[in-house]
Amino acid sequence: MESKVVWKGGLAFTGSANSGYLIPLDARKAAGGHEMGFQPLQLFAIGLVGCTGMDVISILTKKKQQVTEFEVSAEIERAEDHPKVFTKILITYKVTGKDIDRAAVERAVELSETRYCPAIAMLEKAAEISHKIVLQEAGG
C-alpha cells in the first residue's frame, strides 16, 4: 500500500493512494486552512467506520440477513493536549431490515472488532473502543 499527499498551497493537499483515487485535505479556518477538504483525522475516523462496516455487512450478507439499510458511525473523544490522540470511540451500528437476527449482528460486530478490522486493531492500542447496535424493522 502506498499513499501520498501533494501540497496545493496554504494547508491544502490532495491525497492519493495506489488505487488512483484522489481526496482533498485541508484544515479548519481557525488553524489557517480554508475548510476545502477533509481534515486528516477525519479520514482516520472514516477509515475506521468503513473498515468495520465492510466487515459487518459482508458477514451479515453471508448469514443471509435481509439488510435494507446499514450505517456505521463513530463518536470520538480526543486528548486535550497535543498530539490530541483519540482516547474514546463509540461505534454505532444501525441495521435496518426484515427479521434481522440480533445474535447474527452481534456476532458480525464481534468478528469485525476482534478478528478482521485492522483499523480497530490499531486504534484500540491508543483508545477505548466500545459499540452499540441499533436494529430497526424495515417498513412496508
N, C-alpha and C. Protein backbone atom coordinates (compact mmCIF):
# COMPACT_ATOMS: atom_id res chain seq x y z
N MET A 1 0.84 -1.17 0.00
CA MET A 1 0.00 0.00 0.00
C MET A 1 0.89 1.24 0.00
N GLU A 2 0.53 2.18 -0.81
CA GLU A 2 1.27 3.43 -0.88
C GLU A 2 0.28 4.58 -0.81
N SER A 3 0.63 5.62 -0.11
CA SER A 3 -0.20 6.82 -0.08
C SER A 3 0.70 8.03 -0.11
N LYS A 4 0.16 9.14 -0.62
CA LYS A 4 0.94 10.37 -0.64
C LYS A 4 -0.01 11.55 -0.65
N VAL A 5 0.54 12.71 -0.29
CA VAL A 5 -0.17 13.97 -0.41
C VAL A 5 0.69 14.93 -1.21
N VAL A 6 0.02 15.78 -1.98
CA VAL A 6 0.69 16.81 -2.76
C VAL A 6 0.14 18.16 -2.31
N TRP A 7 1.03 19.03 -1.91
CA TRP A 7 0.66 20.33 -1.38
C TRP A 7 0.05 21.20 -2.46
N LYS A 8 -1.06 21.86 -2.13
CA LYS A 8 -1.77 22.72 -3.07
C LYS A 8 -1.75 24.18 -2.65
N GLY A 9 -1.05 24.49 -1.57
CA GLY A 9 -0.98 25.85 -1.05
C GLY A 9 -1.69 25.94 0.29
N GLY A 10 -1.26 26.89 1.10
CA GLY A 10 -1.84 27.02 2.43
C GLY A 10 -1.68 25.73 3.19
N LEU A 11 -2.77 25.18 3.71
CA LEU A 11 -2.75 23.87 4.37
C LEU A 11 -3.50 22.83 3.56
N ALA A 12 -3.72 23.11 2.30
CA ALA A 12 -4.46 22.20 1.42
C ALA A 12 -3.52 21.22 0.73
N PHE A 13 -3.98 19.99 0.63
CA PHE A 13 -3.26 18.92 -0.05
C PHE A 13 -4.25 18.10 -0.85
N THR A 14 -3.76 17.38 -1.82
CA THR A 14 -4.55 16.35 -2.47
C THR A 14 -3.89 15.03 -2.11
N GLY A 15 -4.68 14.13 -1.53
CA GLY A 15 -4.17 12.83 -1.14
C GLY A 15 -4.50 11.79 -2.20
N SER A 16 -3.63 10.81 -2.30
CA SER A 16 -3.89 9.71 -3.23
C SER A 16 -3.26 8.43 -2.69
N ALA A 17 -3.72 7.34 -3.25
CA ALA A 17 -3.17 6.03 -2.91
C ALA A 17 -2.91 5.30 -4.22
N ASN A 18 -2.32 4.13 -4.14
CA ASN A 18 -2.02 3.40 -5.36
C ASN A 18 -3.27 2.95 -6.11
N SER A 19 -4.46 3.19 -5.53
CA SER A 19 -5.72 2.92 -6.24
C SER A 19 -5.98 3.96 -7.32
N GLY A 20 -5.34 5.14 -7.20
CA GLY A 20 -5.52 6.20 -8.18
C GLY A 20 -6.58 7.22 -7.80
N TYR A 21 -7.37 6.97 -6.76
CA TYR A 21 -8.39 7.92 -6.34
C TYR A 21 -7.75 9.11 -5.63
N LEU A 22 -8.40 10.27 -5.75
CA LEU A 22 -7.90 11.49 -5.13
C LEU A 22 -8.87 11.95 -4.05
N ILE A 23 -8.33 12.58 -2.99
CA ILE A 23 -9.16 13.09 -1.92
C ILE A 23 -8.58 14.42 -1.44
N PRO A 24 -9.43 15.44 -1.31
CA PRO A 24 -8.93 16.74 -0.86
C PRO A 24 -8.76 16.78 0.66
N LEU A 25 -7.70 17.41 1.10
CA LEU A 25 -7.45 17.61 2.53
C LEU A 25 -7.23 19.09 2.78
N ASP A 26 -7.67 19.54 3.93
CA ASP A 26 -7.45 20.93 4.34
C ASP A 26 -7.64 20.99 5.85
N ALA A 27 -7.42 22.16 6.40
CA ALA A 27 -7.56 22.36 7.84
C ALA A 27 -8.72 23.32 8.11
N ARG A 28 -9.10 23.37 9.39
CA ARG A 28 -10.12 24.33 9.81
C ARG A 28 -9.60 25.75 9.58
N LYS A 29 -10.52 26.68 9.43
CA LYS A 29 -10.12 28.09 9.26
C LYS A 29 -9.34 28.58 10.47
N ALA A 30 -9.75 28.15 11.66
CA ALA A 30 -9.07 28.57 12.89
C ALA A 30 -7.61 28.12 12.93
N ALA A 31 -7.29 27.07 12.17
CA ALA A 31 -5.92 26.56 12.13
C ALA A 31 -5.15 27.09 10.92
N GLY A 32 -5.81 27.94 10.12
CA GLY A 32 -5.13 28.50 8.95
C GLY A 32 -5.54 27.89 7.62
N GLY A 33 -6.50 26.98 7.64
CA GLY A 33 -6.96 26.36 6.40
C GLY A 33 -8.16 27.08 5.83
N HIS A 34 -8.73 26.50 4.80
CA HIS A 34 -9.90 27.07 4.14
C HIS A 34 -11.10 26.12 4.18
N GLU A 35 -10.97 25.00 4.91
CA GLU A 35 -12.05 24.02 5.05
C GLU A 35 -12.56 23.55 3.69
N MET A 36 -11.63 23.24 2.79
CA MET A 36 -11.98 22.81 1.43
C MET A 36 -11.75 21.31 1.24
N GLY A 37 -11.60 20.59 2.33
CA GLY A 37 -11.39 19.15 2.23
C GLY A 37 -11.45 18.53 3.61
N PHE A 38 -11.23 17.24 3.65
CA PHE A 38 -11.22 16.51 4.92
C PHE A 38 -10.01 16.90 5.75
N GLN A 39 -10.20 16.92 7.06
CA GLN A 39 -9.07 17.03 7.96
C GLN A 39 -8.48 15.62 8.08
N PRO A 40 -7.17 15.50 8.23
CA PRO A 40 -6.56 14.17 8.25
C PRO A 40 -7.17 13.20 9.26
N LEU A 41 -7.47 13.65 10.47
CA LEU A 41 -8.03 12.72 11.45
C LEU A 41 -9.47 12.34 11.13
N GLN A 42 -10.16 13.16 10.36
CA GLN A 42 -11.49 12.75 9.88
C GLN A 42 -11.35 11.52 8.99
N LEU A 43 -10.27 11.46 8.22
CA LEU A 43 -10.05 10.29 7.36
C LEU A 43 -9.75 9.05 8.18
N PHE A 44 -9.05 9.20 9.31
CA PHE A 44 -8.85 8.06 10.22
C PHE A 44 -10.21 7.54 10.66
N ALA A 45 -11.09 8.46 11.07
CA ALA A 45 -12.41 8.06 11.57
C ALA A 45 -13.24 7.41 10.47
N ILE A 46 -13.21 7.97 9.28
CA ILE A 46 -13.95 7.37 8.16
C ILE A 46 -13.37 6.01 7.81
N GLY A 47 -12.05 5.89 7.85
CA GLY A 47 -11.42 4.60 7.61
C GLY A 47 -11.85 3.56 8.63
N LEU A 48 -11.95 3.98 9.88
CA LEU A 48 -12.38 3.08 10.94
C LEU A 48 -13.80 2.56 10.69
N VAL A 49 -14.76 3.46 10.49
CA VAL A 49 -16.15 3.01 10.30
C VAL A 49 -16.33 2.30 8.97
N GLY A 50 -15.55 2.69 7.97
CA GLY A 50 -15.61 1.98 6.70
C GLY A 50 -15.08 0.56 6.81
N CYS A 51 -13.99 0.40 7.53
CA CYS A 51 -13.37 -0.92 7.71
C CYS A 51 -14.33 -1.88 8.42
N THR A 52 -14.83 -1.48 9.56
CA THR A 52 -15.72 -2.36 10.30
C THR A 52 -17.06 -2.51 9.59
N GLY A 53 -17.53 -1.46 8.93
CA GLY A 53 -18.78 -1.54 8.19
C GLY A 53 -18.72 -2.57 7.07
N MET A 54 -17.62 -2.58 6.33
CA MET A 54 -17.47 -3.57 5.25
C MET A 54 -17.43 -4.99 5.80
N ASP A 55 -16.74 -5.16 6.93
CA ASP A 55 -16.72 -6.49 7.56
C ASP A 55 -18.13 -6.93 7.94
N VAL A 56 -18.83 -6.07 8.66
CA VAL A 56 -20.14 -6.45 9.21
C VAL A 56 -21.15 -6.72 8.11
N ILE A 57 -21.22 -5.86 7.09
CA ILE A 57 -22.21 -6.09 6.03
C ILE A 57 -21.86 -7.36 5.24
N SER A 58 -20.58 -7.63 5.06
CA SER A 58 -20.17 -8.86 4.38
C SER A 58 -20.61 -10.09 5.17
N ILE A 59 -20.39 -10.06 6.48
CA ILE A 59 -20.78 -11.20 7.33
C ILE A 59 -22.30 -11.35 7.35
N LEU A 60 -23.02 -10.25 7.48
CA LEU A 60 -24.49 -10.32 7.51
C LEU A 60 -25.05 -10.85 6.19
N THR A 61 -24.43 -10.48 5.08
CA THR A 61 -24.86 -10.98 3.77
C THR A 61 -24.64 -12.49 3.71
N LYS A 62 -23.48 -12.95 4.19
CA LYS A 62 -23.20 -14.39 4.20
C LYS A 62 -24.15 -15.14 5.13
N LYS A 63 -24.62 -14.46 6.19
CA LYS A 63 -25.58 -15.08 7.11
C LYS A 63 -27.02 -14.94 6.60
N LYS A 64 -27.17 -14.45 5.38
CA LYS A 64 -28.47 -14.32 4.71
C LYS A 64 -29.44 -13.41 5.47
N GLN A 65 -28.90 -12.38 6.10
CA GLN A 65 -29.75 -11.39 6.76
C GLN A 65 -30.27 -10.42 5.69
N GLN A 66 -31.53 -10.05 5.78
CA GLN A 66 -32.17 -9.19 4.78
C GLN A 66 -32.02 -7.72 5.18
N VAL A 67 -30.80 -7.22 5.04
CA VAL A 67 -30.50 -5.83 5.40
C VAL A 67 -30.93 -4.92 4.26
N THR A 68 -31.70 -3.88 4.59
CA THR A 68 -32.13 -2.92 3.57
C THR A 68 -31.40 -1.58 3.71
N GLU A 69 -30.96 -1.27 4.91
CA GLU A 69 -30.17 -0.07 5.17
C GLU A 69 -29.15 -0.40 6.24
N PHE A 70 -27.98 0.23 6.13
CA PHE A 70 -26.92 -0.05 7.09
C PHE A 70 -26.06 1.19 7.22
N GLU A 71 -25.79 1.56 8.44
CA GLU A 71 -24.99 2.76 8.71
C GLU A 71 -24.09 2.50 9.90
N VAL A 72 -22.85 2.94 9.79
CA VAL A 72 -21.91 2.84 10.91
C VAL A 72 -21.37 4.24 11.17
N SER A 73 -21.44 4.66 12.42
CA SER A 73 -20.93 5.98 12.77
C SER A 73 -20.05 5.86 14.01
N ALA A 74 -19.23 6.89 14.23
CA ALA A 74 -18.35 6.89 15.39
C ALA A 74 -18.39 8.25 16.07
N GLU A 75 -18.53 8.23 17.38
CA GLU A 75 -18.37 9.42 18.20
C GLU A 75 -17.00 9.29 18.85
N ILE A 76 -16.16 10.30 18.63
CA ILE A 76 -14.76 10.18 19.04
C ILE A 76 -14.38 11.32 19.99
N GLU A 77 -13.77 10.95 21.09
CA GLU A 77 -13.19 11.93 22.02
C GLU A 77 -11.69 11.92 21.82
N ARG A 78 -11.11 13.12 21.93
CA ARG A 78 -9.66 13.25 21.75
C ARG A 78 -9.03 13.84 23.00
N ALA A 79 -7.74 13.58 23.17
CA ALA A 79 -6.99 14.16 24.28
C ALA A 79 -6.97 15.68 24.13
N GLU A 80 -6.93 16.37 25.26
CA GLU A 80 -6.91 17.83 25.21
C GLU A 80 -5.54 18.37 24.84
N ASP A 81 -4.48 17.64 25.18
CA ASP A 81 -3.13 18.10 24.90
C ASP A 81 -2.57 17.43 23.65
N HIS A 82 -1.66 18.12 23.00
CA HIS A 82 -1.02 17.58 21.79
C HIS A 82 -0.27 16.31 22.13
N PRO A 83 -0.35 15.31 21.30
CA PRO A 83 -0.82 15.31 19.92
C PRO A 83 -2.32 15.05 19.75
N LYS A 84 -3.12 15.21 20.78
CA LYS A 84 -4.57 15.11 20.72
C LYS A 84 -5.07 13.82 20.06
N VAL A 85 -4.52 12.71 20.53
CA VAL A 85 -4.89 11.39 20.00
C VAL A 85 -6.33 11.05 20.37
N PHE A 86 -6.90 10.10 19.66
CA PHE A 86 -8.21 9.57 20.02
C PHE A 86 -8.09 8.87 21.36
N THR A 87 -9.03 9.14 22.27
CA THR A 87 -8.99 8.48 23.58
C THR A 87 -10.19 7.57 23.80
N LYS A 88 -11.35 7.93 23.26
CA LYS A 88 -12.56 7.12 23.40
C LYS A 88 -13.30 7.13 22.08
N ILE A 89 -13.76 5.96 21.68
CA ILE A 89 -14.52 5.82 20.43
C ILE A 89 -15.75 4.97 20.70
N LEU A 90 -16.90 5.51 20.35
CA LEU A 90 -18.15 4.74 20.43
C LEU A 90 -18.62 4.53 18.99
N ILE A 91 -18.63 3.27 18.57
CA ILE A 91 -19.08 2.92 17.22
C ILE A 91 -20.53 2.47 17.30
N THR A 92 -21.38 3.06 16.47
CA THR A 92 -22.79 2.69 16.43
C THR A 92 -23.09 2.02 15.10
N TYR A 93 -23.63 0.81 15.18
CA TYR A 93 -24.04 0.04 14.00
C TYR A 93 -25.56 0.12 13.92
N LYS A 94 -26.08 0.76 12.89
CA LYS A 94 -27.53 0.90 12.71
C LYS A 94 -27.94 0.01 11.54
N VAL A 95 -28.69 -1.04 11.85
CA VAL A 95 -29.07 -2.04 10.86
C VAL A 95 -30.59 -2.03 10.70
N THR A 96 -31.03 -1.86 9.47
CA THR A 96 -32.46 -1.89 9.16
C THR A 96 -32.70 -3.04 8.19
N GLY A 97 -33.77 -3.78 8.42
CA GLY A 97 -34.08 -4.88 7.52
C GLY A 97 -35.30 -5.65 7.98
N LYS A 98 -35.54 -6.76 7.31
CA LYS A 98 -36.69 -7.60 7.61
C LYS A 98 -36.22 -8.79 8.44
N ASP A 99 -36.78 -8.94 9.62
CA ASP A 99 -36.49 -10.07 10.51
C ASP A 99 -34.98 -10.24 10.77
N ILE A 100 -34.31 -9.15 11.07
CA ILE A 100 -32.88 -9.21 11.36
C ILE A 100 -32.67 -9.92 12.69
N ASP A 101 -31.77 -10.88 12.71
CA ASP A 101 -31.43 -11.65 13.90
C ASP A 101 -30.37 -10.88 14.70
N ARG A 102 -30.73 -10.40 15.89
CA ARG A 102 -29.81 -9.63 16.73
C ARG A 102 -28.52 -10.41 17.00
N ALA A 103 -28.64 -11.70 17.25
CA ALA A 103 -27.45 -12.52 17.53
C ALA A 103 -26.50 -12.53 16.33
N ALA A 104 -27.05 -12.55 15.12
CA ALA A 104 -26.22 -12.53 13.92
C ALA A 104 -25.47 -11.20 13.81
N VAL A 105 -26.15 -10.11 14.13
CA VAL A 105 -25.50 -8.80 14.09
C VAL A 105 -24.43 -8.71 15.17
N GLU A 106 -24.75 -9.15 16.37
CA GLU A 106 -23.77 -9.12 17.46
C GLU A 106 -22.53 -9.93 17.11
N ARG A 107 -22.73 -11.09 16.50
CA ARG A 107 -21.58 -11.93 16.12
C ARG A 107 -20.77 -11.28 15.00
N ALA A 108 -21.45 -10.66 14.04
CA ALA A 108 -20.74 -9.98 12.95
C ALA A 108 -19.89 -8.83 13.49
N VAL A 109 -20.44 -8.07 14.42
CA VAL A 109 -19.69 -6.97 15.04
C VAL A 109 -18.51 -7.53 15.83
N GLU A 110 -18.75 -8.58 16.60
CA GLU A 110 -17.67 -9.19 17.38
C GLU A 110 -16.53 -9.67 16.47
N LEU A 111 -16.86 -10.33 15.38
CA LEU A 111 -15.83 -10.81 14.46
C LEU A 111 -15.04 -9.66 13.85
N SER A 112 -15.75 -8.60 13.46
CA SER A 112 -15.06 -7.45 12.91
C SER A 112 -14.11 -6.84 13.94
N GLU A 113 -14.63 -6.63 15.14
CA GLU A 113 -13.86 -5.93 16.16
C GLU A 113 -12.71 -6.76 16.75
N THR A 114 -12.81 -8.08 16.71
CA THR A 114 -11.77 -8.90 17.33
C THR A 114 -10.88 -9.64 16.34
N ARG A 115 -11.32 -9.77 15.08
CA ARG A 115 -10.56 -10.58 14.15
C ARG A 115 -10.21 -9.88 12.83
N TYR A 116 -11.17 -9.19 12.22
CA TYR A 116 -10.98 -8.76 10.83
C TYR A 116 -10.56 -7.32 10.61
N CYS A 117 -11.00 -6.37 11.39
CA CYS A 117 -10.79 -4.96 11.09
C CYS A 117 -9.43 -4.46 11.60
N PRO A 118 -8.47 -4.22 10.70
CA PRO A 118 -7.17 -3.73 11.15
C PRO A 118 -7.23 -2.32 11.72
N ALA A 119 -8.20 -1.51 11.31
CA ALA A 119 -8.31 -0.16 11.87
C ALA A 119 -8.63 -0.23 13.36
N ILE A 120 -9.55 -1.10 13.73
CA ILE A 120 -9.86 -1.27 15.15
C ILE A 120 -8.64 -1.83 15.89
N ALA A 121 -7.97 -2.80 15.31
CA ALA A 121 -6.80 -3.40 15.96
C ALA A 121 -5.73 -2.35 16.24
N MET A 122 -5.56 -1.41 15.32
CA MET A 122 -4.55 -0.36 15.54
C MET A 122 -5.02 0.68 16.54
N LEU A 123 -6.25 1.16 16.38
CA LEU A 123 -6.73 2.24 17.22
C LEU A 123 -6.99 1.80 18.66
N GLU A 124 -7.32 0.52 18.88
CA GLU A 124 -7.60 0.09 20.25
C GLU A 124 -6.35 0.09 21.12
N LYS A 125 -5.18 0.23 20.51
CA LYS A 125 -3.95 0.35 21.28
C LYS A 125 -3.82 1.73 21.94
N ALA A 126 -4.56 2.70 21.42
CA ALA A 126 -4.50 4.06 21.96
C ALA A 126 -5.81 4.53 22.57
N ALA A 127 -6.92 3.97 22.13
CA ALA A 127 -8.22 4.47 22.55
C ALA A 127 -9.10 3.35 23.10
N GLU A 128 -10.00 3.73 24.00
CA GLU A 128 -11.02 2.80 24.49
C GLU A 128 -12.12 2.75 23.44
N ILE A 129 -12.39 1.56 22.90
CA ILE A 129 -13.39 1.42 21.85
C ILE A 129 -14.57 0.61 22.38
N SER A 130 -15.76 1.14 22.20
CA SER A 130 -16.98 0.44 22.56
C SER A 130 -17.96 0.55 21.39
N HIS A 131 -19.06 -0.19 21.49
CA HIS A 131 -20.03 -0.12 20.39
C HIS A 131 -21.45 -0.26 20.92
N LYS A 132 -22.38 0.14 20.08
CA LYS A 132 -23.78 -0.14 20.32
C LYS A 132 -24.42 -0.53 19.00
N ILE A 133 -25.44 -1.34 19.10
CA ILE A 133 -26.15 -1.84 17.93
C ILE A 133 -27.59 -1.35 18.00
N VAL A 134 -28.06 -0.77 16.90
CA VAL A 134 -29.43 -0.31 16.79
C VAL A 134 -30.08 -1.09 15.66
N LEU A 135 -31.12 -1.85 15.99
CA LEU A 135 -31.86 -2.62 14.98
C LEU A 135 -33.19 -1.94 14.71
N GLN A 136 -33.55 -1.84 13.42
CA GLN A 136 -34.83 -1.29 13.05
C GLN A 136 -35.47 -2.20 12.02
N GLU A 137 -36.76 -2.42 12.19
CA GLU A 137 -37.53 -3.23 11.23
C GLU A 137 -37.82 -2.37 10.01
N ALA A 138 -37.59 -2.92 8.83
CA ALA A 138 -37.87 -2.20 7.59
C ALA A 138 -39.37 -1.99 7.46
N GLY A 139 -39.75 -0.82 7.01
CA GLY A 139 -41.16 -0.50 6.82
C GLY A 139 -41.71 -1.13 5.55
N GLY A 140 -43.01 -1.36 5.55
CA GLY A 140 -43.72 -1.86 4.36
C GLY A 140 -43.26 -3.16 3.95
